[in-house]
Protein backbone atom coordinates (compact mmCIF):
# COMPACT_ATOMS: atom_id res chain seq x y z
CA UNK A 1 4.71 -20.12 6.27
CA UNK A 2 6.01 -16.77 5.15
CA UNK A 3 5.11 -13.74 7.29
CA UNK A 4 4.01 -11.76 4.23
CA UNK A 5 1.16 -13.40 2.30
CA UNK A 6 -0.91 -10.28 1.47
CA UNK A 7 0.15 -6.55 0.84
CA UNK A 8 -1.88 -3.58 0.79
CA UNK A 9 -0.79 -1.13 -1.74
CA UNK A 10 -1.90 2.61 -1.47
CA UNK A 11 -1.57 4.33 -4.73
CA UNK A 12 -3.09 6.89 -6.94
CA UNK A 13 -6.33 6.72 -8.86
CA UNK A 14 -4.46 8.79 -11.45
CA UNK A 15 -1.32 7.90 -13.37
CA UNK A 16 0.60 10.91 -12.44
CA UNK A 17 2.84 13.10 -14.38
CA UNK A 18 5.57 10.67 -15.23
CA UNK A 19 5.39 7.43 -17.38
CA UNK A 20 7.75 5.96 -14.84
CA UNK A 21 4.89 5.81 -12.10
CA UNK A 22 2.76 3.42 -14.35
CA UNK A 23 5.82 1.40 -15.24
CA UNK A 24 6.70 0.96 -11.59
CA UNK A 25 3.05 -0.04 -10.80
CA UNK A 26 3.30 -2.59 -13.42
CA UNK A 27 6.55 -3.79 -12.20
CA UNK A 28 5.16 -4.13 -8.71
CA UNK A 29 2.12 -6.06 -9.78
CA UNK A 30 4.24 -8.47 -11.68
CA UNK A 31 6.67 -8.85 -8.84
CA UNK A 32 3.89 -9.51 -6.20
CA UNK A 33 2.47 -12.17 -8.46
CA UNK A 34 5.72 -13.81 -8.97
CA UNK A 35 6.50 -13.92 -5.25
CA UNK A 36 3.04 -15.34 -4.62
CA UNK A 37 1.94 -12.37 -2.49
CA UNK A 38 -1.71 -11.32 -2.75
CA UNK A 39 -2.54 -7.73 -3.71
CA UNK A 40 -4.96 -5.91 -1.63
CA UNK A 41 -5.70 -2.52 -3.05
CA UNK A 42 -8.45 0.23 -3.45
CA UNK A 43 -10.50 -1.57 -6.12
CA UNK A 44 -10.14 0.94 -8.90
CA UNK A 45 -9.65 0.27 -12.64
CA UNK A 46 -8.04 3.59 -13.27
CA UNK A 47 -4.63 5.14 -12.49
CA UNK A 48 -1.93 3.33 -10.75
CA UNK A 49 -4.43 1.30 -8.98
CA UNK A 50 -5.70 -0.16 -12.30
CA UNK A 51 -2.02 -0.59 -13.45
CA UNK A 52 -0.94 -2.51 -10.36
CA UNK A 53 -4.10 -4.73 -10.39
CA UNK A 54 -3.94 -5.41 -14.08
CA UNK A 55 -0.20 -6.48 -13.89
CA UNK A 56 -0.84 -8.72 -10.95
CA UNK A 57 -3.71 -10.43 -12.56
CA UNK A 58 -1.80 -10.82 -16.01
CA UNK A 59 0.97 -12.47 -14.15
CA UNK A 60 -1.34 -14.93 -12.45
CA UNK A 61 -1.32 -13.23 -9.00
CA UNK A 62 -4.44 -12.88 -6.85
CA UNK A 63 -6.13 -9.41 -6.35
CA UNK A 64 -8.65 -8.32 -3.76
CA UNK A 65 -10.13 -4.71 -4.36
CA UNK A 66 -11.79 -2.82 -1.51
CA UNK A 67 -13.88 0.03 -2.70
CA UNK A 68 -16.56 2.12 -0.98
CA UNK A 69 -20.10 1.90 -2.42
CA UNK A 70 -20.21 5.45 -3.75
CA UNK A 71 -17.04 4.95 -5.76
CA UNK A 72 -18.44 1.79 -7.29
CA UNK A 73 -21.41 3.75 -8.30
CA UNK A 74 -19.14 6.23 -10.09
CA UNK A 75 -18.22 3.11 -12.15
CA UNK A 76 -14.59 3.25 -11.28
CA UNK A 77 -14.54 -0.29 -9.72
CA UNK A 78 -12.33 -2.97 -11.36
CA UNK A 79 -14.69 -5.83 -12.37
CA UNK A 80 -11.82 -8.24 -13.30
CA UNK A 81 -10.29 -8.69 -9.85
CA UNK A 82 -10.55 -12.07 -8.02
CA UNK A 83 -12.64 -10.42 -5.22
CA UNK A 84 -14.21 -7.05 -5.00
CA UNK A 85 -15.39 -5.95 -1.52
CA UNK A 86 -17.73 -3.13 -1.34
CA UNK A 87 -17.72 -1.15 1.85
CA UNK A 88 -20.06 1.67 3.23
CA UNK A 89 -17.43 4.29 3.73
CA UNK A 90 -13.81 5.26 3.20
CA UNK A 91 -13.00 4.47 6.85
CA UNK A 92 -14.43 0.96 6.62
CA UNK A 93 -12.49 0.56 3.36
CA UNK A 94 -9.21 1.25 5.17
CA UNK A 95 -10.09 -1.04 8.17
CA UNK A 96 -10.97 -3.90 5.81
CA UNK A 97 -7.62 -3.36 3.79
CA UNK A 98 -5.86 -3.38 7.27
CA UNK A 99 -7.45 -6.74 8.18
CA UNK A 100 -6.48 -8.45 4.92
CA UNK A 101 -2.90 -7.15 4.75
CA UNK A 102 0.28 -8.51 6.48
CA UNK A 103 2.26 -5.51 5.27
CA UNK A 104 1.56 -2.01 3.57
CA UNK A 105 3.16 -0.27 0.72
CA UNK A 106 2.81 3.47 0.07
CA UNK A 107 3.38 4.14 -3.76
CA UNK A 108 3.00 7.41 -5.65
CA UNK A 109 -0.47 9.00 -5.26
CA UNK A 110 -2.38 11.92 -4.20
CA UNK A 111 -4.48 12.97 -1.15
CA UNK A 112 -6.20 9.66 -0.88
CA UNK A 113 -2.81 7.82 -0.78
CA UNK A 114 -1.59 10.28 1.78
CA UNK A 115 -4.69 9.61 3.92
CA UNK A 116 -4.25 5.98 3.85
CA UNK A 117 -0.43 6.21 4.57
CA UNK A 118 -0.88 8.56 7.40
CA UNK A 119 -3.69 6.60 9.09
CA UNK A 120 -1.68 3.43 9.07
CA UNK A 121 1.35 5.25 10.45
CA UNK A 122 -0.84 6.64 13.02
CA UNK A 123 -2.12 3.39 13.93
CA UNK A 124 1.41 2.22 14.25
CA UNK A 125 2.32 5.08 16.53
CA UNK A 126 -0.60 4.24 18.75
CA UNK A 127 0.73 0.67 19.06
CA UNK A 128 -2.49 -0.65 17.45
CA UNK A 129 -0.40 -2.82 15.08
CA UNK A 130 3.19 -3.62 14.27
CA UNK A 131 2.87 -4.64 10.52
CA UNK A 132 5.50 -3.41 8.14
CA UNK A 133 4.95 -0.22 6.31
CA UNK A 134 7.09 0.56 3.20
CA UNK A 135 7.16 3.79 1.54
CA UNK A 136 8.45 3.31 -2.04
CA UNK A 137 10.10 6.24 -3.65
CA UNK A 138 9.60 6.16 -7.48
CA UNK A 139 11.56 8.97 -9.29
CA UNK A 140 11.64 11.17 -6.17
CA UNK A 141 7.65 10.69 -5.41
CA UNK A 142 8.27 10.19 -1.82
CA UNK A 143 10.65 12.92 -1.12
CA UNK A 144 7.96 15.48 -0.02
CA UNK A 145 6.14 12.88 2.15
CA UNK A 146 9.32 11.98 3.85
CA UNK A 147 10.22 15.69 4.45
CA UNK A 148 6.82 16.18 5.97
CA UNK A 149 7.40 13.37 8.59
CA UNK A 150 10.83 14.64 9.22
CA UNK A 151 9.46 18.01 9.77
CA UNK A 152 6.79 16.84 12.24
CA UNK A 153 9.57 15.06 14.18
CA UNK A 154 11.96 18.21 14.10
CA UNK A 155 9.22 20.53 15.17
CA UNK A 156 8.25 18.39 18.26
CA UNK A 157 4.81 17.19 16.78
CA UNK A 158 5.86 13.61 16.25
CA UNK A 159 7.99 11.47 18.40
CA UNK A 160 11.55 10.84 17.35
CA UNK A 161 10.94 7.12 16.85
CA UNK A 162 8.48 7.94 14.08
CA UNK A 163 11.12 7.12 11.72
CA UNK A 164 11.04 3.65 12.93
CA UNK A 165 7.31 3.19 12.12
CA UNK A 166 8.13 2.70 8.47
CA UNK A 167 11.01 1.99 5.91
CA UNK A 168 11.66 4.05 2.83
CA UNK A 169 12.83 2.17 -0.16
CA UNK A 170 14.17 3.39 -3.53
CA UNK A 171 12.27 1.71 -6.29
CA UNK A 172 10.38 -1.39 -7.00
CA UNK A 173 13.26 -3.82 -7.02
CA UNK A 174 14.38 -2.69 -3.52
CA UNK A 175 10.72 -2.86 -2.40
CA UNK A 176 10.21 -6.42 -3.67
CA UNK A 177 13.58 -7.52 -2.15
CA UNK A 178 12.48 -6.14 1.20
CA UNK A 179 9.18 -7.78 1.17
CA UNK A 180 10.88 -11.07 0.38
CA UNK A 181 13.33 -10.48 3.43
CA UNK A 182 10.30 -9.66 5.64
CA UNK A 183 8.43 -12.76 4.43
CA UNK A 184 11.08 -15.05 5.40
CA UNK A 185 11.73 -13.46 8.82
CA UNK A 186 9.77 -14.71 11.74
CA UNK A 187 6.53 -12.54 12.47
CA UNK A 188 7.10 -10.28 15.35
CA UNK A 189 4.59 -9.51 17.97
CA UNK A 190 0.96 -8.85 17.53
CA UNK A 191 -0.33 -7.60 14.27
CA UNK A 192 -3.98 -7.14 15.13
CA UNK A 193 -5.61 -3.92 15.44
CA UNK A 194 -6.84 -3.56 18.94
């Protein structure tokens, strides 16, 4: 059985300033569905979140949204997903997404996406998991994030091996190819959060 059956995608609740971002989210959703990989995401119907979920569903894929109760009350929840899990907090949302996912994808997004990405990277640094983390650069969207990580290492605030906690990939085709490679590779070590 493939090691990668479900992927948590961290991405923006807004569409961003470039049409390429929504196009990439749509391409990602179609690609996940074609690969038989279940999408785990933040449960929203707007922005890149809505685009990746809609594309996955339209291509026959399986989608699980995980959304905190207060965001559901703001009426931003996607009611068309296969399963919508409502949590009591943002932290519980991240924990539930972690539990459901075999790998993580950081896509273009804002502060919430950064929060999710850095928390999963921190858990990796603390050896709480060894699940793959892929940062997808779409039209330069990951440049600042990667520079921030590099700066933390250069300034001595993060270990030199921090660059081994994730892989940066350029664009959706490279991301999907890497997920396929990871899915056919034997699973390594423990992937449970301790």
